[in-house]
Protein backbone atom coordinates (compact mmCIF):
# COMPACT_ATOMS: atom_id res chain seq x y z
CA MET A 1 43.69 123.42 77.24
CA THR A 2 43.46 122.51 81.03
CA ALA A 3 46.05 120.61 83.10
CA ALA A 4 43.09 118.39 84.22
CA ALA A 5 42.13 117.67 80.40
CA VAL A 6 45.52 116.47 79.54
CA GLY A 7 46.00 114.36 82.95
CA GLY A 8 42.70 112.94 82.06
CA ARG A 9 43.73 111.88 78.41
CA LEU A 10 46.94 110.29 78.86
CA SER A 11 47.29 106.91 79.38
CA PRO A 12 49.97 105.25 81.81
CA LEU A 13 52.18 104.46 78.75
CA LYS A 14 51.96 108.13 77.51
CA ALA A 15 52.42 109.06 80.94
CA VAL A 16 55.57 107.20 81.69
CA GLY A 17 56.90 108.54 77.93
CA TRP A 18 56.28 112.39 79.04
CA THR A 19 58.14 111.59 82.25
CA ALA A 20 60.84 109.93 80.63
CA LEU A 21 61.19 112.71 78.09
CA PHE A 22 61.53 115.31 81.01
CA LEU A 23 63.83 113.57 82.94
CA GLY A 24 66.14 112.07 80.10
CA THR A 25 66.27 115.41 78.42
CA GLY A 26 66.96 117.34 81.53
CA PHE A 27 69.97 114.99 82.47
CA VAL A 28 71.26 115.59 78.85
CA LEU A 29 70.83 119.17 78.91
CA SER A 30 72.16 119.57 82.75
CA ILE A 31 75.49 117.87 81.76
CA THR A 32 75.72 119.96 78.67
CA LEU A 33 75.10 123.14 80.42
CA ALA A 34 77.50 121.83 83.22
CA LEU A 35 80.24 121.09 80.86
CA THR A 36 79.99 124.30 79.35
CA GLY A 37 79.94 126.29 82.81
CA ALA A 38 82.91 124.10 83.77
CA ILE A 39 85.08 125.07 80.92
CA LEU A 40 83.92 128.54 80.88
CA THR A 41 84.71 129.08 84.66
CA GLY A 42 87.86 126.79 84.61
CA THR A 43 86.31 124.40 87.03
CA VAL A 44 86.41 121.47 84.69
CA ALA A 45 89.53 119.44 86.33
CA LEU A 46 88.07 120.00 89.63
CA PRO A 47 87.09 116.78 91.59
CA GLY A 48 83.20 116.25 91.75
CA GLY A 49 83.05 117.25 95.32
CA ASP A 50 84.65 120.76 94.95
CA PRO A 51 82.19 123.43 96.05
CA ARG A 52 82.53 125.28 92.67
CA SER A 53 82.11 122.23 90.52
CA LEU A 54 79.03 121.56 92.75
CA ALA A 55 77.68 125.12 92.09
CA VAL A 56 78.20 124.68 88.20
CA GLN A 57 76.45 121.58 88.06
CA THR A 58 73.73 122.83 90.56
CA ALA A 59 73.17 126.01 88.39
CA ALA A 60 73.13 124.11 85.17
CA GLY A 61 70.73 121.88 86.63
CA LEU A 62 68.31 124.30 87.74
CA LEU A 63 68.40 126.20 84.26
CA ALA A 64 67.83 122.84 82.28
CA PHE A 65 64.75 121.43 84.70
CA GLY A 66 63.53 125.05 84.80
CA LEU A 67 63.30 125.54 81.32
CA LEU A 68 61.86 121.91 80.60
CA THR A 69 59.28 122.55 83.42
CA TRP A 70 58.10 125.48 81.33
CA ALA A 71 58.53 124.07 77.83
CA LEU A 72 57.11 120.53 78.47
CA GLY A 73 54.94 121.16 81.72
CA LEU A 74 53.43 124.21 81.21
CA LYS A 75 53.55 124.55 77.58
CA GLY A 76 53.32 121.19 76.17
CA LEU A 77 51.05 119.45 78.81
CA GLY A 78 49.34 122.58 79.66
CA LEU A 79 49.75 122.18 83.45
CA THR A 80 49.77 125.18 85.75
CA LEU A 81 51.95 126.23 88.63
CA ALA A 82 49.42 125.18 90.75
CA ASP A 83 49.13 121.80 89.39
CA LEU A 84 53.03 121.51 89.76
CA ARG A 85 52.33 122.28 93.58
CA TRP A 86 53.91 125.84 93.61
CA VAL A 87 51.70 127.34 96.17
CA PRO A 88 51.53 130.92 96.43
CA LEU A 89 54.33 132.84 97.74
CA GLU A 90 52.49 134.02 100.97
CA ARG A 91 52.56 130.32 102.02
CA ALA A 92 55.91 129.32 100.72
CA GLY A 93 57.60 130.39 103.79
CA ARG A 94 55.50 128.45 105.89
CA GLY A 95 55.81 125.43 103.61
CA PHE A 96 59.42 125.75 103.57
CA GLY A 97 59.95 126.10 107.12
CA THR A 98 57.54 123.10 108.03
CA GLY A 99 59.47 121.10 105.36
CA LEU A 100 62.80 121.78 107.31
CA LEU A 101 61.37 120.40 110.52
CA LEU A 102 60.29 117.49 108.92
CA GLY A 103 63.67 116.80 107.70
CA ILE A 104 65.73 117.85 110.46
CA ALA A 105 63.83 115.61 113.07
CA PRO A 106 64.63 112.06 111.24
CA ALA A 107 68.26 113.34 110.44
CA LEU A 108 68.39 113.87 114.31
CA LEU A 109 66.77 110.89 115.17
CA ALA A 110 69.27 108.46 112.80
CA VAL A 111 72.17 110.17 114.39
CA GLY A 112 70.95 109.93 117.82
CA LEU A 113 70.29 106.31 117.44
CA SER A 114 73.79 105.46 116.02
CA LEU A 115 75.16 107.32 118.98
CA VAL A 116 73.01 105.56 121.66
CA ALA A 117 73.07 101.99 119.71
CA GLY A 118 75.81 102.08 116.97
CA GLY A 119 78.71 103.36 119.22
CA ALA A 120 78.86 106.61 116.78
CA SER A 121 80.64 109.56 118.64
CA PHE A 122 81.91 113.10 118.25
CA LEU A 123 85.36 113.81 118.44
CA ARG A 124 86.91 117.38 118.96
CA ASP A 125 88.48 118.74 115.83
CA GLU A 126 90.37 121.67 114.78
CA GLY A 127 88.70 125.22 114.71
CA ASP A 128 86.22 127.14 116.95
CA LEU A 129 82.62 128.01 117.06
CA SER A 130 83.01 131.01 114.74
CA MET A 131 84.74 128.60 111.97
CA TYR A 132 81.97 126.28 112.31
CA LEU A 133 79.17 128.41 112.19
CA GLY A 134 80.82 130.11 109.03
CA GLN A 135 80.86 126.87 107.45
CA ILE A 136 77.63 125.57 108.15
CA GLY A 137 76.64 128.56 106.43
CA ARG A 138 78.50 128.33 103.33
CA THR A 139 77.32 124.31 103.08
CA GLY A 140 73.95 125.24 103.69
CA LEU A 141 74.04 127.80 100.64
CA LEU A 142 75.46 125.03 98.52
CA LEU A 143 72.73 122.36 99.43
CA ALA A 144 69.83 124.75 99.07
CA PRO A 145 69.78 125.03 95.43
CA ALA A 146 70.98 121.33 94.88
CA ALA A 147 68.28 120.17 96.99
CA LEU A 148 65.67 122.30 95.05
CA LEU A 149 67.18 121.03 91.76
CA GLU A 150 66.28 117.47 92.74
CA GLU A 151 62.78 118.32 93.74
CA ILE A 152 62.16 120.14 90.48
CA ALA A 153 63.58 116.85 88.92
CA PHE A 154 61.84 114.47 90.59
CA ARG A 155 58.93 115.71 92.40
CA GLY A 156 57.96 118.18 89.40
CA VAL A 157 56.46 117.35 85.79
CA GLY A 158 57.09 113.75 86.15
CA GLN A 159 55.44 113.03 89.39
CA VAL A 160 52.10 115.31 88.74
CA VAL A 161 51.52 113.49 85.29
CA LEU A 162 52.30 110.01 86.69
CA ALA A 163 49.86 110.54 89.62
CA ARG A 164 47.10 111.56 87.38
CA ALA A 165 47.67 108.45 85.07
CA ILE A 166 48.57 105.84 87.47
CA GLY A 167 47.77 107.09 91.08
CA ARG A 168 49.60 109.00 93.86
CA LEU A 169 51.24 106.16 95.59
CA PRO A 170 52.56 104.40 92.57
CA ALA A 171 53.95 107.52 91.09
CA ILE A 172 56.00 108.34 94.27
CA ILE A 173 57.11 104.78 94.24
CA ALA A 174 58.38 104.65 90.75
CA LEU A 175 60.10 108.31 90.84
CA SER A 176 61.84 107.12 93.99
CA LEU A 177 63.20 104.02 92.50
CA VAL A 178 64.79 106.64 89.60
CA PHE A 179 65.96 109.02 92.52
CA ALA A 180 67.80 106.05 94.09
CA CYS A 181 69.31 105.11 90.78
CA ALA A 182 70.21 108.70 90.07
CA HIS A 183 72.79 108.24 93.30
CA LEU A 184 74.35 104.98 92.12
CA LEU A 185 77.94 106.30 91.61
CA ASN A 186 77.66 108.11 94.98
CA PRO A 187 81.01 106.93 96.94
CA SER A 188 80.88 104.19 99.49
CA GLY A 189 77.32 103.15 98.01
CA THR A 190 75.63 100.13 99.42
CA ALA A 191 72.69 98.48 98.54
CA LEU A 192 71.01 99.70 101.81
CA GLY A 193 72.33 102.98 101.21
CA LEU A 194 70.19 102.75 97.91
CA VAL A 195 66.98 101.41 99.78
CA ASN A 196 67.29 104.32 101.97
CA ILE A 197 67.74 106.67 99.33
CA ALA A 198 64.53 105.43 97.71
CA LEU A 199 62.63 105.85 100.92
CA ALA A 200 63.95 109.40 101.19
CA GLY A 201 62.40 109.56 97.63
CA VAL A 202 59.12 108.37 98.97
CA PHE A 203 59.08 110.61 102.07
CA LEU A 204 59.92 113.85 99.87
CA GLY A 205 57.21 112.67 97.26
CA VAL A 206 54.59 112.56 99.97
CA ALA A 207 55.87 115.80 101.50
CA PHE A 208 55.30 117.40 97.98
CA TYR A 209 51.37 116.66 98.53
CA ALA A 210 51.56 118.39 101.87
CA PRO A 211 49.95 121.96 102.11
CA GLY A 212 53.07 123.54 101.35
CA GLY A 213 53.65 121.66 97.84
CA ILE A 214 56.98 121.61 96.50
CA TRP A 215 58.26 124.09 99.13
CA THR A 216 57.62 121.63 101.90
CA ALA A 217 59.38 119.28 99.80
CA TRP A 218 62.34 121.25 99.39
CA GLY A 219 62.57 122.34 102.98
CA ALA A 220 62.50 118.77 103.97
CA HIS A 221 65.14 117.65 101.55
CA LEU A 222 67.35 120.59 102.64
CA GLY A 223 66.56 119.95 106.39
CA TRP A 224 67.52 116.13 106.20
CA ASN A 225 70.93 117.27 104.39
CA ALA A 226 72.06 120.15 106.36
CA THR A 227 71.51 118.55 109.38
CA LEU A 228 73.62 115.68 108.42
CA ALA A 229 76.29 117.87 107.04
CA ALA A 230 76.13 120.22 110.28
CA LEU A 231 76.89 117.08 112.25
CA ASP A 232 79.72 116.30 110.22
CA ALA A 233 78.34 112.89 108.87
CA PRO A 234 78.50 112.00 105.13
CA VAL A 235 75.50 112.98 103.02
CA SER A 236 74.57 110.13 100.56
CA GLY A 237 78.47 108.92 100.66
CA LEU A 238 79.55 112.94 100.13
CA PRO A 239 81.58 114.15 103.13
CA PHE A 240 81.68 117.77 104.18
CA ARG A 241 84.71 119.53 105.88
CA ILE A 242 83.28 120.97 109.14
CA PRO A 243 85.40 122.49 111.59
CA LEU A 244 85.18 121.84 115.63
CA ILE A 245 83.56 118.23 115.29
CA ASP A 246 84.61 115.16 113.91
CA TYR A 247 81.70 112.39 113.75
CA SER A 248 82.67 109.01 113.90
CA PRO A 249 79.99 106.56 112.60
CA GLY A 250 80.93 103.53 115.00
CA GLY A 251 79.33 100.09 113.60
CA PRO A 252 78.70 97.73 112.33
CA SER A 253 77.94 99.67 108.97
CA TRP A 254 74.87 97.85 108.36
CA LEU A 255 73.50 99.61 111.25
CA THR A 256 74.83 103.12 111.27
CA GLY A 257 75.85 103.34 107.74
CA GLY A 258 79.48 103.48 108.19
CA SER A 259 81.33 105.83 105.54
CA PHE A 260 78.31 106.35 103.45
CA GLY A 261 76.87 108.27 106.16
CA PRO A 262 73.75 107.49 108.11
CA GLU A 263 71.62 106.90 105.19
CA GLY A 264 73.43 103.73 104.71
CA GLY A 265 72.34 102.06 107.51
CA MET A 266 69.32 100.57 109.42
CA LEU A 267 68.75 103.08 111.84
CA ALA A 268 68.16 105.44 109.25
CA THR A 269 65.62 103.24 107.55
CA LEU A 270 63.58 103.19 110.90
CA ALA A 271 64.03 107.05 110.90
CA MET A 272 62.93 107.37 107.36
CA MET A 273 59.76 105.19 107.76
CA LEU A 274 58.66 107.15 110.99
CA ALA A 275 59.10 110.26 108.66
CA ILE A 276 57.09 108.93 105.65
CA GLY A 277 54.28 107.76 108.23
CA THR A 278 54.22 111.06 110.07
CA THR A 279 53.99 113.05 106.52
CA TRP A 280 51.60 110.61 105.13
CA ARG A 281 49.06 111.30 107.89
CA TRP A 282 49.30 115.05 107.19
CA SER A 283 49.38 115.16 103.32
CA ARG A 284 47.15 112.19 102.16
CA LYS A 285 44.00 114.57 102.41
CA GLU A 286 45.70 116.92 99.88
CA PRO A 287 44.30 116.55 96.26
CA VAL A 288 46.31 115.00 93.35
């Protein structure tokens, strides 16, 4: 049974059902595996922002959604890796690198606009350049698998199935709203912050259909997160301890994002809309 045949036979209601099954089961399995891993590694009592806790949670999520991609996507629905936009490895590096640039550019724009229009500034902090570079490397190693996890979960089986049943753009928007809801409990969250996270979901959903497939979406996700972290700005409300520099967001918060980070402000809204438009023009000819 081919993926096209499956996609063609699924009604919108059934497509929603498969997507809900994939996401719901994935979250439950992720939590179960994360709790088990936390107990085994002794990180169960550590705060959620602790790197070891985040590493355990990410590993659990990758295992859970990886298994479900195989069980529900490849076996249950008959999708192929090509259907899921896992382009060949020889094209993966280029796709990932392009994605990085797509993510870095709007992040730099959002912070740059905050410096010019919002009174944001960088202050001198403790540490030196070697400490800064070392911490950036460690932070990147932490953020990379977390970004991959969210791409497999939100731009994987569910988006492919929904796109074939209701169209690409409605599928992207629907899963972007779910993506935003998954960040409801992030610290210092605001309504505008959730809107911007939804827009980030649209941006990543569009990047998923770029020539590099999921590799491009992964690179774009990591590029945005890692750039903000490297500039000592909170990422979706989560602060990172970066030596040498200290980012002050300025204000007002509705403009620059305040303690939630640039994602909580209107300047990031502008940057993300530009990123969506650029990526859409590049990827819109790619087949569903």
